[in-house]
Amino acid sequence: MKDQKPVSKTTHDIVGLWEEDLLKRYPEDPQKKEEAFRNYDDPARDTVKEFYQLNHTYQTFDFVQRKEREFLSLGRRAMSLWEAVEFLNTLVDDSDPDTELDQTQHLLQTSEAIRADGQPDWFVLTGFLHDLGKVLCLFGEPQWAVVGDTFPVGCRHSEKIVYSEFFKANPDFYDERYNTLYGIYEPNCGLRNVHMSWGHDEYLFHVMKDYLPEPALYMIRYHSFYAQHREKAYNHLMDAHDHEMFEWVSAFNPYDLYSKAAAPPNVQALRPYYEDLATRYLPDVINF
């Protein structure tokens, strides 16, 4: 695994809106005109802004600690992979103006793009799994605690985080324990020692941590950590191993953002392949 390198390549209402916002902030082609992306009217964009106001206000260090205690015992529901995927399908993005794809089809578009590029089988499976943590919405979690860009808590918020001005409403902004560059952490302590904001990435990492290769777990855990893998804002917390593993995070990210296509994948035709693939890595029953 250490010698492998990635092959280079490019529902709730807020789920789709956040993904659209990412495309506008990080277009695959910087020369691509905004008209080429799907458009939302002003209220829709306001919804994204309101989402980040909530997210940045309430994602405190204490909040993350509470959610870790609440959810990481993984005792809410035991499901096979396909049961989990079908459960996730009850979370439908009604806000997307260009597609009516359900969650399974988005996962398959991501994983099929990865497979078409000849990436390793665990990489393909990771593409299929990466958003399963959004079942948190179906467990009653508010959207601002499920999706959105992720960031470390317990230290100063970087100005590179989207809508960073909203952190002024967060109690940690004024707490001397948490509002310095390193906060509760040591220089280059490694992300394994850093608490991330609560959401579907962190949750699914803990669901899958005993089953997948380490690069896959980095992809899952940090695929929404845009302040680092796009802006390099937290190099001071990362160690050499993090930087090595982030090559995989960077390889994964374009598949997640840019793999949507007009034609939906044939779920029933692809299901046997993914069920067989899952048996190579996952148990018959997964605890969520």
Protein backbone atom coordinates (compact mmCIF):
# COMPACT_ATOMS: atom_id res chain seq x y z
CA MET A 1 0.00 0.00 0.00
CA LYS A 2 2.78 2.45 0.86
CA ASP A 3 4.27 2.22 -2.64
CA GLN A 4 0.94 2.70 -4.39
CA LYS A 5 0.05 6.13 -5.76
CA PRO A 6 -3.37 7.30 -6.93
CA VAL A 7 -4.05 7.45 -10.64
CA SER A 8 -4.31 11.20 -11.27
CA LYS A 9 -7.60 12.64 -12.56
CA THR A 10 -9.46 15.01 -12.21
CA THR A 11 -32.44 15.78 0.69
CA HIS A 12 -32.72 17.58 2.46
CA ASP A 13 -32.47 20.89 0.62
CA ILE A 14 -29.01 21.84 1.86
CA VAL A 15 -27.30 18.66 0.64
CA GLY A 16 -27.64 19.59 -3.02
CA LEU A 17 -27.15 23.30 -2.41
CA TRP A 18 -23.89 22.72 -0.54
CA GLU A 19 -22.59 20.55 -3.39
CA GLU A 20 -23.54 23.25 -5.90
CA ASP A 21 -21.78 25.86 -3.79
CA LEU A 22 -18.63 23.71 -3.83
CA LEU A 23 -18.72 23.56 -7.62
CA LYS A 24 -18.87 27.33 -7.81
CA ARG A 25 -16.03 27.76 -5.31
CA TYR A 26 -13.85 25.04 -6.81
CA PRO A 27 -14.67 24.69 -10.52
CA GLU A 28 -12.82 21.95 -12.37
CA ASP A 29 -12.02 24.45 -15.11
CA PRO A 30 -11.24 27.91 -13.68
CA GLN A 31 -12.09 29.42 -17.09
CA LYS A 32 -15.54 27.86 -17.11
CA LYS A 33 -18.21 30.54 -16.99
CA GLU A 34 -20.72 30.53 -14.16
CA GLU A 35 -23.54 30.02 -16.66
CA ALA A 36 -22.18 26.53 -17.29
CA PHE A 37 -23.05 25.53 -13.73
CA ARG A 38 -26.55 24.98 -12.48
CA ASN A 39 -28.11 28.15 -11.25
CA TYR A 40 -30.09 28.92 -8.13
CA ASP A 41 -31.98 32.11 -7.52
CA ASP A 42 -31.01 34.43 -4.66
CA PRO A 43 -33.10 32.72 -1.97
CA ALA A 44 -31.34 29.44 -2.71
CA ARG A 45 -27.95 31.04 -2.26
CA ASP A 46 -29.24 32.67 0.90
CA THR A 47 -30.10 29.18 2.14
CA VAL A 48 -26.47 28.12 1.80
CA LYS A 49 -25.39 31.24 3.68
CA GLU A 50 -27.94 30.62 6.42
CA PHE A 51 -26.72 27.03 6.65
CA TYR A 52 -23.17 28.20 7.33
CA GLN A 53 -24.37 30.70 9.91
CA LEU A 54 -25.84 27.80 11.89
CA ASN A 55 -22.90 25.51 11.22
CA HIS A 56 -20.25 28.02 12.28
CA THR A 57 -22.22 29.17 15.31
CA TYR A 58 -22.94 25.76 16.84
CA GLN A 59 -20.00 23.56 15.79
CA THR A 60 -18.07 24.08 19.01
CA PHE A 61 -15.50 21.80 20.62
CA ASP A 62 -18.03 20.83 23.31
CA PHE A 63 -20.71 20.11 20.68
CA VAL A 64 -18.34 17.78 18.80
CA GLN A 65 -17.47 15.98 22.02
CA ARG A 66 -21.16 15.43 22.77
CA LYS A 67 -21.86 14.08 19.29
CA GLU A 68 -18.92 11.71 19.46
CA ARG A 69 -20.29 10.31 22.72
CA GLU A 70 -23.80 10.12 21.29
CA PHE A 71 -23.10 8.44 17.96
CA LEU A 72 -19.77 6.63 18.02
CA SER A 73 -21.02 3.68 20.00
CA LEU A 74 -22.58 2.76 16.61
CA GLY A 75 -25.66 1.20 18.12
CA ARG A 76 -28.49 2.92 16.28
CA ARG A 77 -29.10 0.50 13.45
CA ALA A 78 -27.45 -2.63 12.02
CA MET A 79 -27.77 -2.99 8.25
CA SER A 80 -26.24 -4.73 5.30
CA LEU A 81 -24.54 -2.37 2.86
CA TRP A 82 -27.49 -2.42 0.47
CA GLU A 83 -29.98 -1.90 3.28
CA ALA A 84 -27.97 1.17 4.30
CA VAL A 85 -27.95 2.46 0.72
CA GLU A 86 -31.70 1.99 0.38
CA PHE A 87 -32.21 3.66 3.77
CA LEU A 88 -30.16 6.62 2.53
CA ASN A 89 -32.40 6.83 -0.52
CA THR A 90 -35.20 8.08 1.68
CA LEU A 91 -33.14 11.27 1.92
CA VAL A 92 -33.92 12.93 -1.42
CA ASP A 93 -32.48 16.16 -2.72
CA ASP A 94 -35.51 18.14 -3.88
CA SER A 95 -33.45 21.27 -4.46
CA ASP A 96 -31.40 20.21 -7.48
CA PRO A 97 -32.82 21.81 -10.64
CA ASP A 98 -30.99 19.60 -13.12
CA THR A 99 -31.31 16.07 -11.84
CA GLU A 100 -33.67 13.85 -9.93
CA LEU A 101 -31.03 11.29 -9.05
CA ASP A 102 -31.41 9.58 -5.73
CA GLN A 103 -28.50 9.05 -3.36
CA THR A 104 -27.67 5.60 -4.79
CA GLN A 105 -27.29 7.05 -8.26
CA HIS A 106 -24.98 9.80 -7.02
CA LEU A 107 -22.84 7.23 -5.22
CA LEU A 108 -22.73 5.06 -8.35
CA GLN A 109 -21.80 7.97 -10.59
CA THR A 110 -18.86 8.66 -8.31
CA SER A 111 -17.72 5.06 -8.02
CA GLU A 112 -18.24 4.26 -11.71
CA ALA A 113 -16.07 7.22 -12.71
CA ILE A 114 -13.39 5.88 -10.36
CA ARG A 115 -13.74 2.36 -11.81
CA ALA A 116 -13.53 3.66 -15.38
CA ASP A 117 -10.14 5.19 -14.56
CA GLY A 118 -8.73 1.88 -13.39
CA GLN A 119 -8.31 2.80 -9.74
CA PRO A 120 -7.92 -0.01 -7.13
CA ASP A 121 -11.06 -1.89 -6.10
CA TRP A 122 -11.02 -0.41 -2.58
CA PHE A 123 -10.95 3.07 -4.16
CA VAL A 124 -14.03 2.17 -6.22
CA LEU A 125 -15.79 0.91 -3.10
CA THR A 126 -14.87 4.11 -1.24
CA GLY A 127 -16.54 6.14 -3.97
CA PHE A 128 -19.68 4.11 -3.48
CA LEU A 129 -19.56 4.45 0.31
CA HIS A 130 -18.37 8.00 0.82
CA ASP A 131 -21.72 9.70 1.51
CA LEU A 132 -23.38 6.94 3.54
CA GLY A 133 -22.74 8.97 6.67
CA LYS A 134 -25.59 11.24 5.59
CA VAL A 135 -27.88 8.73 7.29
CA LEU A 136 -27.28 11.07 10.25
CA CYS A 137 -30.07 13.21 8.72
CA LEU A 138 -32.36 10.20 9.02
CA PHE A 139 -31.34 9.77 12.66
CA GLY A 140 -32.69 13.24 13.35
CA GLU A 141 -29.53 15.33 13.05
CA PRO A 142 -29.93 18.88 11.64
CA GLN A 143 -28.37 19.47 8.25
CA TRP A 144 -25.73 21.84 9.62
CA ALA A 145 -24.42 18.88 11.68
CA VAL A 146 -24.32 16.48 8.72
CA VAL A 147 -23.06 18.24 5.58
CA GLY A 148 -20.95 21.31 4.84
CA ASP A 149 -17.21 21.95 4.75
CA THR A 150 -15.45 20.45 7.76
CA PHE A 151 -12.72 21.99 9.90
CA PRO A 152 -10.80 21.37 13.14
CA VAL A 153 -12.37 22.42 16.42
CA GLY A 154 -10.36 23.22 19.53
CA CYS A 155 -8.12 25.76 17.77
CA ARG A 156 -8.44 29.04 15.88
CA HIS A 157 -10.71 28.92 12.84
CA SER A 158 -8.85 29.65 9.63
CA GLU A 159 -9.95 32.57 7.51
CA LYS A 160 -9.74 30.15 4.57
CA ILE A 161 -12.91 28.38 5.79
CA VAL A 162 -15.95 29.42 3.77
CA TYR A 163 -17.92 32.22 5.51
CA SER A 164 -15.31 32.37 8.25
CA GLU A 165 -16.82 35.65 9.50
CA PHE A 166 -19.71 33.65 10.97
CA PHE A 167 -17.39 32.13 13.58
CA LYS A 168 -17.70 35.37 15.53
CA ALA A 169 -21.01 33.96 16.82
CA ASN A 170 -19.27 30.76 18.01
CA PRO A 171 -18.37 30.71 21.75
CA ASP A 172 -15.02 29.09 20.94
CA PHE A 173 -14.03 32.26 19.06
CA TYR A 174 -13.71 34.00 22.43
CA ASP A 175 -12.43 31.05 24.49
CA GLU A 176 -8.71 31.34 25.23
CA ARG A 177 -8.39 27.57 25.26
CA TYR A 178 -9.48 27.33 21.64
CA ASN A 179 -8.80 30.63 19.84
CA THR A 180 -5.04 30.44 19.33
CA LEU A 181 -3.30 28.99 16.29
CA TYR A 182 -2.74 25.60 17.94
CA GLY A 183 -5.41 25.75 20.65
CA ILE A 184 -5.41 22.45 22.52
CA TYR A 185 -3.04 20.81 20.00
CA GLU A 186 0.71 20.62 19.47
CA PRO A 187 2.52 21.71 16.30
CA ASN A 188 2.32 19.04 13.59
CA CYS A 189 0.59 16.66 16.00
CA GLY A 190 -1.14 14.80 13.17
CA LEU A 191 -4.80 14.92 12.21
CA ARG A 192 -5.45 11.66 14.06
CA ASN A 193 -5.11 13.76 17.23
CA VAL A 194 -7.37 16.57 16.01
CA HIS A 195 -11.13 16.74 16.51
CA MET A 196 -12.99 17.68 13.33
CA SER A 197 -16.36 19.41 13.13
CA TRP A 198 -19.20 16.90 13.37
CA GLY A 199 -20.73 15.56 10.17
CA HIS A 200 -21.13 12.66 7.79
CA ASP A 201 -17.39 12.41 7.03
CA GLU A 202 -16.26 11.93 10.62
CA TYR A 203 -19.17 9.63 11.42
CA LEU A 204 -18.63 7.31 8.44
CA PHE A 205 -14.90 7.14 9.18
CA HIS A 206 -15.73 5.57 12.53
CA VAL A 207 -18.28 3.21 10.95
CA MET A 208 -15.69 1.97 8.41
CA LYS A 209 -12.38 2.30 10.28
CA ASP A 210 -11.98 -1.43 10.93
CA TYR A 211 -12.64 -2.49 7.34
CA LEU A 212 -10.98 -0.30 4.72
CA PRO A 213 -7.35 0.52 3.83
CA GLU A 214 -5.95 3.68 5.38
CA PRO A 215 -6.04 5.78 2.17
CA ALA A 216 -9.75 4.99 1.86
CA LEU A 217 -10.35 6.10 5.44
CA TYR A 218 -8.54 9.38 4.79
CA MET A 219 -10.74 9.96 1.73
CA ILE A 220 -13.88 9.37 3.76
CA ARG A 221 -12.80 11.37 6.80
CA TYR A 222 -11.42 14.43 5.01
CA HIS A 223 -13.23 14.73 1.67
CA SER A 224 -15.10 17.81 2.95
CA PHE A 225 -12.02 19.38 4.60
CA TYR A 226 -11.66 21.97 1.85
CA ALA A 227 -9.75 24.45 4.00
CA GLN A 228 -6.87 21.96 3.94
CA HIS A 229 -6.94 20.00 0.71
CA ARG A 230 -7.74 23.10 -1.36
CA GLU A 231 -6.35 25.97 0.76
CA LYS A 232 -3.54 24.30 2.80
CA ALA A 233 -4.76 26.20 5.86
CA TYR A 234 -3.87 23.57 8.48
CA ASN A 235 -0.39 22.43 7.49
CA HIS A 236 0.69 23.43 11.00
CA LEU A 237 -1.38 20.57 12.48
CA MET A 238 -0.53 17.92 9.88
CA ASP A 239 2.41 15.54 10.09
CA ALA A 240 4.34 13.91 7.26
CA HIS A 241 2.02 10.91 7.17
CA ASP A 242 -1.02 13.17 6.77
CA HIS A 243 0.60 14.88 3.79
CA GLU A 244 1.31 11.51 2.19
CA MET A 245 -2.26 10.32 2.71
CA PHE A 246 -3.72 13.60 1.42
CA GLU A 247 -2.46 12.64 -2.03
CA TRP A 248 -5.33 10.15 -1.97
CA VAL A 249 -7.81 12.74 -0.68
CA SER A 250 -6.82 15.03 -3.54
CA ALA A 251 -7.19 12.17 -6.02
CA PHE A 252 -10.67 11.36 -4.72
CA ASN A 253 -12.13 14.86 -4.59
CA PRO A 254 -12.65 15.47 -8.35
CA TYR A 255 -14.66 12.27 -8.68
CA ASP A 256 -17.03 13.45 -5.95
CA LEU A 257 -17.46 16.95 -7.38
CA TYR A 258 -17.41 16.38 -11.12
CA SER A 259 -18.80 12.90 -11.81
CA LYS A 260 -22.47 13.85 -12.20
CA ALA A 261 -23.88 12.98 -15.62
CA ALA A 262 -27.24 13.44 -17.29
CA ALA A 263 -27.85 9.73 -17.79
CA PRO A 264 -28.50 7.92 -14.50
CA PRO A 265 -26.57 4.71 -13.83
CA ASN A 266 -28.46 1.42 -14.06
CA VAL A 267 -28.68 0.54 -10.39
CA GLN A 268 -30.02 -2.98 -10.82
CA ALA A 269 -27.40 -3.88 -13.42
CA LEU A 270 -24.57 -2.57 -11.24
CA ARG A 271 -25.80 -3.91 -7.92
CA PRO A 272 -24.28 -7.43 -8.23
CA TYR A 273 -20.84 -5.95 -8.92
CA TYR A 274 -20.98 -3.71 -5.85
CA GLU A 275 -22.40 -6.43 -3.61
CA ASP A 276 -19.52 -8.69 -4.62
CA LEU A 277 -17.01 -5.87 -4.15
CA ALA A 278 -18.36 -5.13 -0.67
CA THR A 279 -17.88 -8.76 0.42
CA ARG A 280 -14.12 -8.34 -0.07
CA TYR A 281 -13.92 -5.66 2.60
CA LEU A 282 -17.10 -5.32 4.67
CA PRO A 283 -18.97 -7.61 7.05
CA ASP A 284 -22.45 -8.83 6.18
CA VAL A 285 -23.92 -6.47 8.76
CA ILE A 286 -22.58 -2.97 9.45
CA ASN A 287 -23.31 -1.12 12.68
CA PHE A 288 -24.42 2.50 12.28
